[in-house]
Amino acid sequence: MDHSTDQVVLMESYTSKQLALRNGQDTPEIWVAYKGIIYDVTSSRLWKKGMHYEHWAGQDLTTELADAPHTESVFKKFQAIGQLISNDTTSR
């Protein structure tokens, strides 16, 4: 099998504490996590000031998506920029 076109994407790892800082208030970056992947939603007009309806940026929204009027396909609009890890060992 020819894997010459396969690409490996290496993403930085971030803890929940690091994610929490990207809430649109402490820094201009607005990030959210879903199923262990962190997405940059800074460019979305729906996440201005770090809030989207009752959801706050800088946190894992995996359990909250069930209450949303959209599916997880909404994350395809945004760049995946990292992996959410559960401990404080990071690559950054």
Protein backbone atom coordinates (compact mmCIF):
# COMPACT_ATOMS: atom_id res chain seq x y z
CA MET A 1 0.00 0.00 0.00
CA ASP A 2 1.35 3.43 -0.96
CA HIS A 3 1.28 5.89 1.96
CA SER A 4 3.18 8.67 0.20
CA THR A 5 0.17 10.98 0.39
CA ASP A 6 -0.61 10.24 4.05
CA GLN A 7 0.01 13.18 6.33
CA VAL A 8 0.71 13.06 10.03
CA VAL A 9 -0.49 16.10 11.89
CA LEU A 10 1.29 16.77 15.16
CA MET A 11 -0.58 19.08 17.48
CA GLU A 12 0.56 20.79 20.63
CA SER A 13 -0.84 19.47 23.90
CA TYR A 14 -2.57 21.76 26.39
CA THR A 15 -3.99 21.22 29.87
CA SER A 16 -7.43 22.40 30.92
CA LYS A 17 -5.71 25.24 32.82
CA GLN A 18 -3.99 26.40 29.63
CA LEU A 19 -7.24 26.09 27.69
CA ALA A 20 -9.05 28.16 30.32
CA LEU A 21 -6.72 31.10 29.65
CA ARG A 22 -7.90 31.24 26.01
CA ASN A 23 -11.35 32.46 26.99
CA GLY A 24 -11.46 35.73 25.04
CA GLN A 25 -11.19 37.77 28.23
CA ASP A 26 -7.78 36.92 29.71
CA THR A 27 -6.25 36.76 26.21
CA PRO A 28 -7.60 37.65 22.76
CA GLU A 29 -7.51 33.97 21.78
CA ILE A 30 -10.82 32.12 21.97
CA TRP A 31 -10.49 28.34 22.14
CA VAL A 32 -12.86 25.51 22.98
CA ALA A 33 -12.34 21.77 23.21
CA TYR A 34 -14.51 18.95 21.96
CA LYS A 35 -13.71 15.25 22.33
CA GLY A 36 -10.10 15.98 23.28
CA ILE A 37 -9.38 18.34 20.37
CA ILE A 38 -8.94 22.09 20.87
CA TYR A 39 -10.40 24.42 18.26
CA ASP A 40 -9.60 28.09 17.65
CA VAL A 41 -12.96 29.91 17.37
CA THR A 42 -11.45 33.42 17.62
CA SER A 43 -12.65 34.36 14.14
CA SER A 44 -16.28 33.43 14.81
CA ARG A 45 -18.64 36.32 15.37
CA LEU A 46 -20.70 33.93 17.51
CA TRP A 47 -17.88 33.61 20.07
CA LYS A 48 -17.06 37.31 20.51
CA LYS A 49 -16.08 38.15 24.08
CA GLY A 50 -15.66 34.44 24.80
CA MET A 51 -19.29 33.48 25.11
CA HIS A 52 -21.68 31.70 22.74
CA TYR A 53 -25.18 31.73 24.19
CA GLU A 54 -24.76 30.02 27.60
CA HIS A 55 -21.43 28.41 26.68
CA TRP A 56 -18.13 29.90 27.78
CA ALA A 57 -14.88 29.65 25.84
CA GLY A 58 -11.77 28.21 27.39
CA GLN A 59 -13.39 24.94 28.35
CA ASP A 60 -14.27 21.46 27.15
CA LEU A 61 -17.72 21.55 25.55
CA THR A 62 -18.03 17.81 24.94
CA THR A 63 -20.85 17.26 27.44
CA GLU A 64 -22.60 20.51 26.51
CA LEU A 65 -23.06 19.75 22.82
CA ALA A 66 -26.12 17.62 23.51
CA ASP A 67 -27.97 20.83 24.44
CA ALA A 68 -26.90 22.68 21.27
CA PRO A 69 -29.16 23.15 18.23
CA HIS A 70 -26.34 21.89 15.96
CA THR A 71 -24.21 18.76 15.64
CA GLU A 72 -20.51 18.23 16.12
CA SER A 73 -20.02 18.99 12.42
CA VAL A 74 -19.93 22.67 13.45
CA PHE A 75 -16.31 22.11 14.54
CA LYS A 76 -15.31 21.43 10.91
CA LYS A 77 -15.51 25.21 10.37
CA PHE A 78 -12.61 25.82 12.75
CA GLN A 79 -8.96 24.94 12.85
CA ALA A 80 -7.98 22.18 15.26
CA ILE A 81 -4.93 23.57 17.02
CA GLY A 82 -4.19 21.18 19.86
CA GLN A 83 -5.00 18.23 22.03
CA LEU A 84 -6.50 18.55 25.49
CA ILE A 85 -4.58 16.52 28.02
CA SER A 86 -5.59 15.73 31.56
CA ASN A 87 -2.30 16.33 33.34
CA ASP A 88 0.19 19.18 33.53
CA THR A 89 2.81 17.64 31.26
CA THR A 90 2.74 19.76 28.12
CA SER A 91 4.82 20.38 25.09
CA ARG A 92 4.44 24.10 25.50
